[in-house]
Structures are given as C-alpha cells and as structure tokens.
Amino acid sequence: AFLDVDLTAIVEELFEVDARTGQARTVIDESSKTFVNTYTDPFLRELDRSKEILFKSERDGWAHLYLIDATNGKVKNAVTHGEWVVRHVDRVDEEKRQIWFQGSGRNAGEDPYHIHHYRVNFDGTGLVELTEGDGDHTIAYSPDRTYLIDTYSRADLPPVHALRRTTDGSLVCAL
C-alpha cells in the first residue's frame, strides 16, 4: 500500500498496488474543502491478519481514529469520537485489539491542549483514561505494562507524580 501525502493538499489517498499487474485501487480517499491536516502526526496502521486499517482522520471535524475494512475501503466504525482530538498513537495491540494513545480537549474545565493518555478497543468500546489531573501528562510504563508513572504539570503547578494501574487508570499511590 502507498499513502500519498501532500502537505498543502485537500486530498489524502491510500492506494493499493498489485506489484505483479500494476493494477491500483484506492482504499482510502480523504478530502476537505479547505485542507487535510496530514502533517500534525498522521497515523495509518495496516493490520494484515484482519485485513483492516487503523486511520486517523478529521472527517468529522475532529482528529479521530477509524477502523477501515481494507478489502473495500469502508469505515467499519469510529474508534474514537467526540469534541476532542487524538494527538498521537503510542501503541497498537493487535492481539487484544486495543489502541493506546494521547488525546486532548476531552476533560471539561481544563486547557484543551493538555495531553492525557487513553486506551480503547478497536470497536470503540472500553475507553479508559489512564491519567488524571489538570495538567499536561507524560507517562512511563512498567516493563510488563501493568503500571505507569504519570507525571503532569502546568505553568502554575510543579510536576505531580503518581503510580497508576493500566487496567483502569486507578491511583496506586502518589509519588
């Protein structure tokens, strides 16, 4: 597959080309009347075993993840949705069909640019906020990814550190 990206474009396309025949088909075709934001952390992951594609798109006006059927290019489901944005995908777990990602703008009363960390199932269910607290979050996982150290701060708040469970984001203890 080949992703054609033009940083000034109003179209973003994913083509699949058969190397033997040269036959090409369009799998994903994104367009906008203004522009398609492909330079702020684009994301596309082909899932060969399930013949699916995880794709970050602004098709609803917000940067969200979609699960695409790679055989026909149709959206199977929105993985994330709402008036907030997915900033970066940290990990895709194909076995558990989960995505670990960073997002912002989801927490009411906070600066919409503060980064929080989340996990969600490919089908859009089971969204778990892994970080808590009004600030911009960075995390470090334990080697087995069972726990994380959440560090957050703001211009008016020194760093706060906490140990959290990755199963549900619950607090184990303040550090």
C-alpha atoms as a PDB file:
ATOM      1  CA  ALA A   1       0.000   0.000   0.000  1.00  0.00           C
ATOM      2  CA  PHE A   2       1.084   3.553  -0.637  1.00  0.00           C
ATOM      3  CA  LEU A   3      -0.073   6.674   1.186  1.00  0.00           C
ATOM      4  CA  ASP A   4       0.068   9.800  -0.973  1.00  0.00           C
ATOM      5  CA  VAL A   5       0.520  12.856   1.259  1.00  0.00           C
ATOM      6  CA  ASP A   6       0.763  16.450   0.033  1.00  0.00           C
ATOM      7  CA  LEU A   7       1.221  18.888   2.926  1.00  0.00           C
ATOM      8  CA  THR A   8      -0.774  21.585   1.129  1.00  0.00           C
ATOM      9  CA  ALA A   9      -3.422  19.243  -0.191  1.00  0.00           C
ATOM     10  CA  ILE A  10      -7.137  18.983   0.223  1.00  0.00           C
ATOM     11  CA  VAL A  11      -6.969  15.266  -0.594  1.00  0.00           C
ATOM     12  CA  GLU A  12      -5.231  12.337   1.105  1.00  0.00           C
ATOM     13  CA  GLU A  13      -5.378   8.923  -0.538  1.00  0.00           C
ATOM     14  CA  LEU A  14      -4.221   5.404   0.234  1.00  0.00           C
ATOM     15  CA  PHE A  15      -3.608   3.217  -2.806  1.00  0.00           C
ATOM     16  CA  GLU A  16      -3.045  -0.494  -3.001  1.00  0.00           C
ATOM     17  CA  VAL A  17      -0.960  -1.592  -5.975  1.00  0.00           C
ATOM     18  CA  ASP A  18      -0.574  -5.164  -7.201  1.00  0.00           C
ATOM     19  CA  ALA A  19       3.166  -5.454  -7.905  1.00  0.00           C
ATOM     20  CA  ARG A  20       2.629  -8.191 -10.487  1.00  0.00           C
ATOM     21  CA  THR A  21      -0.011  -6.482 -12.618  1.00  0.00           C
ATOM     22  CA  GLY A  22       0.464  -2.804 -11.770  1.00  0.00           C
ATOM     23  CA  GLN A  23      -3.273  -2.621 -11.060  1.00  0.00           C
ATOM     24  CA  ALA A  24      -4.053   0.058  -8.465  1.00  0.00           C
ATOM     25  CA  ARG A  25      -7.117   0.716  -6.370  1.00  0.00           C
ATOM     26  CA  THR A  26      -7.972   3.485  -3.957  1.00  0.00           C
ATOM     27  CA  VAL A  27      -8.527   2.165  -0.431  1.00  0.00           C
ATOM     28  CA  ILE A  28      -8.957   5.475   1.419  1.00  0.00           C
ATOM     29  CA  ASP A  29      -9.846   8.813  -0.127  1.00  0.00           C
ATOM     30  CA  GLU A  30     -10.000  11.754   2.308  1.00  0.00           C
ATOM     31  CA  SER A  31     -10.901  15.209   1.104  1.00  0.00           C
ATOM     32  CA  SER A  32     -11.792  18.582   2.558  1.00  0.00           C
ATOM     33  CA  LYS A  33     -12.954  21.928   1.161  1.00  0.00           C
ATOM     34  CA  THR A  34     -10.057  23.609   2.995  1.00  0.00           C
ATOM     35  CA  PHE A  35      -7.213  21.133   3.577  1.00  0.00           C
ATOM     36  CA  VAL A  36      -6.471  17.729   5.075  1.00  0.00           C
ATOM     37  CA  ASN A  37      -4.170  18.054   8.075  1.00  0.00           C
ATOM     38  CA  THR A  38      -1.582  15.379   7.279  1.00  0.00           C
ATOM     39  CA  TYR A  39       1.443  16.973   8.904  1.00  0.00           C
ATOM     40  CA  THR A  40       0.318  17.023  12.548  1.00  0.00           C
ATOM     41  CA  ASP A  41       1.146  13.432  13.489  1.00  0.00           C
ATOM     42  CA  PRO A  42      -0.577  11.441  10.731  1.00  0.00           C
ATOM     43  CA  PHE A  43      -1.401   7.841  11.598  1.00  0.00           C
ATOM     44  CA  LEU A  44      -2.118   4.801   9.452  1.00  0.00           C
ATOM     45  CA  ARG A  45      -1.562   1.175  10.509  1.00  0.00           C
ATOM     46  CA  GLU A  46      -2.269  -1.773   8.254  1.00  0.00           C
ATOM     47  CA  LEU A  47      -3.481  -4.865  10.116  1.00  0.00           C
ATOM     48  CA  ASP A  48      -2.631  -7.664   7.712  1.00  0.00           C
ATOM     49  CA  ARG A  49      -4.145 -10.555   9.694  1.00  0.00           C
ATOM     50  CA  SER A  50      -7.582  -8.966   9.975  1.00  0.00           C
ATOM     51  CA  LYS A  51      -7.407  -7.098   6.645  1.00  0.00           C
ATOM     52  CA  GLU A  52      -8.164  -3.813   8.392  1.00  0.00           C
ATOM     53  CA  ILE A  53      -6.593  -0.380   8.605  1.00  0.00           C
ATOM     54  CA  LEU A  54      -6.472   1.957  11.585  1.00  0.00           C
ATOM     55  CA  PHE A  55      -6.502   5.509  10.287  1.00  0.00           C
ATOM     56  CA  LYS A  56      -6.527   8.960  11.871  1.00  0.00           C
ATOM     57  CA  SER A  57      -8.893  11.288  10.085  1.00  0.00           C
ATOM     58  CA  GLU A  58     -10.591  14.641  10.548  1.00  0.00           C
ATOM     59  CA  ARG A  59     -13.656  13.571   8.565  1.00  0.00           C
ATOM     60  CA  ASP A  60     -15.981  14.684  11.393  1.00  0.00           C
ATOM     61  CA  GLY A  61     -14.086  17.928  12.058  1.00  0.00           C
ATOM     62  CA  TRP A  62     -12.028  16.429  14.914  1.00  0.00           C
ATOM     63  CA  ALA A  63      -8.911  14.225  14.698  1.00  0.00           C
ATOM     64  CA  HIS A  64     -10.140  10.700  15.493  1.00  0.00           C
ATOM     65  CA  LEU A  65      -9.285   7.081  14.801  1.00  0.00           C
ATOM     66  CA  TYR A  66     -11.292   4.915  12.422  1.00  0.00           C
ATOM     67  CA  LEU A  67     -11.227   1.200  11.681  1.00  0.00           C
ATOM     68  CA  ILE A  68     -11.351   0.650   7.914  1.00  0.00           C
ATOM     69  CA  ASP A  69     -12.096  -2.593   6.058  1.00  0.00           C
ATOM     70  CA  ALA A  70      -9.017  -2.886   3.814  1.00  0.00           C
ATOM     71  CA  THR A  71     -10.830  -5.072   1.284  1.00  0.00           C
ATOM     72  CA  ASN A  72     -13.389  -2.420   0.329  1.00  0.00           C
ATOM     73  CA  GLY A  73     -12.221   0.829   1.971  1.00  0.00           C
ATOM     74  CA  LYS A  74     -15.416   1.207   4.006  1.00  0.00           C
ATOM     75  CA  VAL A  75     -15.368   2.510   7.570  1.00  0.00           C
ATOM     76  CA  LYS A  76     -16.209  -0.350   9.937  1.00  0.00           C
ATOM     77  CA  ASN A  77     -16.507   2.002  12.911  1.00  0.00           C
ATOM     78  CA  ALA A  78     -15.190   5.122  14.550  1.00  0.00           C
ATOM     79  CA  VAL A  79     -12.754   4.019  17.240  1.00  0.00           C
ATOM     80  CA  THR A  80     -12.820   7.419  18.956  1.00  0.00           C
ATOM     81  CA  HIS A  81     -15.338  10.236  18.628  1.00  0.00           C
ATOM     82  CA  GLY A  82     -16.480  13.463  20.231  1.00  0.00           C
ATOM     83  CA  GLU A  83     -15.442  17.087  20.526  1.00  0.00           C
ATOM     84  CA  TRP A  84     -11.797  16.366  21.361  1.00  0.00           C
ATOM     85  CA  VAL A  85      -8.778  15.160  19.386  1.00  0.00           C
ATOM     86  CA  VAL A  86      -6.440  12.193  19.187  1.00  0.00           C
ATOM     87  CA  ARG A  87      -2.916  13.624  19.248  1.00  0.00           C
ATOM     88  CA  HIS A  88      -0.678  10.567  18.933  1.00  0.00           C
ATOM     89  CA  VAL A  89      -0.954   6.768  18.860  1.00  0.00           C
ATOM     90  CA  ASP A  90       1.558   5.201  21.252  1.00  0.00           C
ATOM     91  CA  ARG A  91       0.813   1.525  20.699  1.00  0.00           C
ATOM     92  CA  VAL A  92      -1.459  -0.807  18.749  1.00  0.00           C
ATOM     93  CA  ASP A  93      -2.046  -4.207  20.363  1.00  0.00           C
ATOM     94  CA  GLU A  94      -3.413  -6.385  17.565  1.00  0.00           C
ATOM     95  CA  GLU A  95      -3.851  -9.429  19.841  1.00  0.00           C
ATOM     96  CA  LYS A  96      -6.051  -7.599  22.370  1.00  0.00           C
ATOM     97  CA  ARG A  97      -7.426  -5.267  19.651  1.00  0.00           C
ATOM     98  CA  GLN A  98      -6.594  -2.183  21.687  1.00  0.00           C
ATOM     99  CA  ILE A  99      -5.040   1.189  20.934  1.00  0.00           C
ATOM    100  CA  TRP A 100      -3.026   3.199  23.462  1.00  0.00           C
ATOM    101  CA  PHE A 101      -2.999   6.880  22.548  1.00  0.00           C
ATOM    102  CA  GLN A 102      -2.682  10.515  23.608  1.00  0.00           C
ATOM    103  CA  GLY A 103      -5.556  12.947  23.303  1.00  0.00           C
ATOM    104  CA  SER A 104      -6.562  16.415  24.369  1.00  0.00           C
ATOM    105  CA  GLY A 105      -9.661  18.537  24.823  1.00  0.00           C
ATOM    106  CA  ARG A 106     -11.710  15.752  26.416  1.00  0.00           C
ATOM    107  CA  ASN A 107     -11.557  16.984  30.029  1.00  0.00           C
ATOM    108  CA  ALA A 108     -14.041  19.768  30.788  1.00  0.00           C
ATOM    109  CA  GLY A 109     -12.597  22.735  32.644  1.00  0.00           C
ATOM    110  CA  GLU A 110      -9.022  22.032  31.519  1.00  0.00           C
ATOM    111  CA  ASP A 111      -6.855  23.706  28.938  1.00  0.00           C
ATOM    112  CA  PRO A 112      -7.862  21.880  25.732  1.00  0.00           C
ATOM    113  CA  TYR A 113      -4.202  21.456  24.797  1.00  0.00           C
ATOM    114  CA  HIS A 114      -3.309  19.383  27.856  1.00  0.00           C
ATOM    115  CA  ILE A 115      -2.287  15.876  26.827  1.00  0.00           C
ATOM    116  CA  HIS A 116      -3.911  12.891  28.553  1.00  0.00           C
ATOM    117  CA  HIS A 117      -3.315   9.195  27.860  1.00  0.00           C
ATOM    118  CA  TYR A 118      -6.007   6.641  26.968  1.00  0.00           C
ATOM    119  CA  ARG A 119      -6.686   3.088  25.845  1.00  0.00           C
ATOM    120  CA  VAL A 120      -9.634   1.978  23.709  1.00  0.00           C
ATOM    121  CA  ASN A 121     -10.777  -1.185  21.925  1.00  0.00           C
ATOM    122  CA  PHE A 122     -10.754  -1.339  18.120  1.00  0.00           C
ATOM    123  CA  ASP A 123     -14.575  -1.353  18.135  1.00  0.00           C
ATOM    124  CA  GLY A 124     -14.672   1.942  20.057  1.00  0.00           C
ATOM    125  CA  THR A 125     -15.750   0.421  23.370  1.00  0.00           C
ATOM    126  CA  GLY A 126     -13.910   0.400  26.670  1.00  0.00           C
ATOM    127  CA  LEU A 127     -12.316   3.864  26.560  1.00  0.00           C
ATOM    128  CA  VAL A 128     -10.098   4.165  29.648  1.00  0.00           C
ATOM    129  CA  GLU A 129      -8.440   7.395  30.740  1.00  0.00           C
ATOM    130  CA  LEU A 130      -5.068   6.313  32.088  1.00  0.00           C
ATOM    131  CA  THR A 131      -4.097   9.723  33.505  1.00  0.00           C
ATOM    132  CA  GLU A 132      -5.905  12.054  35.867  1.00  0.00           C
ATOM    133  CA  GLY A 133      -5.326  15.625  36.957  1.00  0.00           C
ATOM    134  CA  ASP A 134      -5.488  19.080  35.428  1.00  0.00           C
ATOM    135  CA  GLY A 135      -2.228  19.351  33.539  1.00  0.00           C
ATOM    136  CA  ASP A 136      -0.131  18.167  30.619  1.00  0.00           C
ATOM    137  CA  HIS A 137       0.736  14.476  31.148  1.00  0.00           C
ATOM    138  CA  THR A 138       3.734  12.332  30.271  1.00  0.00           C
ATOM    139  CA  ILE A 139       3.925   8.679  31.268  1.00  0.00           C
ATOM    140  CA  ALA A 140       6.386   5.818  31.635  1.00  0.00           C
ATOM    141  CA  TYR A 141       5.172   2.209  31.629  1.00  0.00           C
ATOM    142  CA  SER A 142       6.429  -0.637  33.783  1.00  0.00           C
ATOM    143  CA  PRO A 143       8.180  -3.355  31.712  1.00  0.00           C
ATOM    144  CA  ASP A 144       5.047  -5.552  31.736  1.00  0.00           C
ATOM    145  CA  ARG A 145       2.782  -2.526  31.044  1.00  0.00           C
ATOM    146  CA  THR A 146       0.744  -3.261  34.185  1.00  0.00           C
ATOM    147  CA  TYR A 147       1.556   0.079  35.809  1.00  0.00           C
ATOM    148  CA  LEU A 148       2.523   3.539  34.681  1.00  0.00           C
ATOM    149  CA  ILE A 149       4.099   6.561  36.271  1.00  0.00           C
ATOM    150  CA  ASP A 150       2.016   9.594  35.400  1.00  0.00           C
ATOM    151  CA  THR A 151       3.739  12.966  35.619  1.00  0.00           C
ATOM    152  CA  TYR A 152       1.772  16.114  34.967  1.00  0.00           C
ATOM    153  CA  SER A 153       2.264  19.833  35.401  1.00  0.00           C
ATOM    154  CA  ARG A 154       1.114  23.265  34.277  1.00  0.00           C
ATOM    155  CA  ALA A 155       2.799  26.667  34.183  1.00  0.00           C
ATOM    156  CA  ASP A 156       1.338  27.330  37.646  1.00  0.00           C
ATOM    157  CA  LEU A 157       1.802  23.806  39.049  1.00  0.00           C
ATOM    158  CA  PRO A 158       5.060  21.959  39.697  1.00  0.00           C
ATOM    159  CA  PRO A 159       5.228  18.345  38.487  1.00  0.00           C
ATOM    160  CA  VAL A 160       2.919  15.866  40.209  1.00  0.00           C
ATOM    161  CA  HIS A 161       3.864  12.178  40.050  1.00  0.00           C
ATOM    162  CA  ALA A 162       1.590   9.191  40.570  1.00  0.00           C
ATOM    163  CA  LEU A 163       1.721   5.432  40.132  1.00  0.00           C
ATOM    164  CA  ARG A 164      -1.386   4.140  38.291  1.00  0.00           C
ATOM    165  CA  ARG A 165      -2.794   0.813  37.102  1.00  0.00           C
ATOM    166  CA  THR A 166      -3.141   0.437  33.339  1.00  0.00           C
ATOM    167  CA  THR A 167      -6.238  -1.768  33.702  1.00  0.00           C
ATOM    168  CA  ASP A 168      -8.423   1.184  34.721  1.00  0.00           C
ATOM    169  CA  GLY A 169      -6.144   4.193  35.329  1.00  0.00           C
ATOM    170  CA  SER A 170      -6.771   3.987  39.071  1.00  0.00           C
ATOM    171  CA  LEU A 171      -4.308   5.510  41.503  1.00  0.00           C
ATOM    172  CA  VAL A 172      -1.983   3.097  43.301  1.00  0.00           C
ATOM    173  CA  CYS A 173      -0.157   5.860  45.186  1.00  0.00           C
ATOM    174  CA  ALA A 174       1.154   9.385  44.899  1.00  0.00           C
ATOM    175  CA  LEU A 175       4.906   9.564  44.445  1.00  0.00           C
END
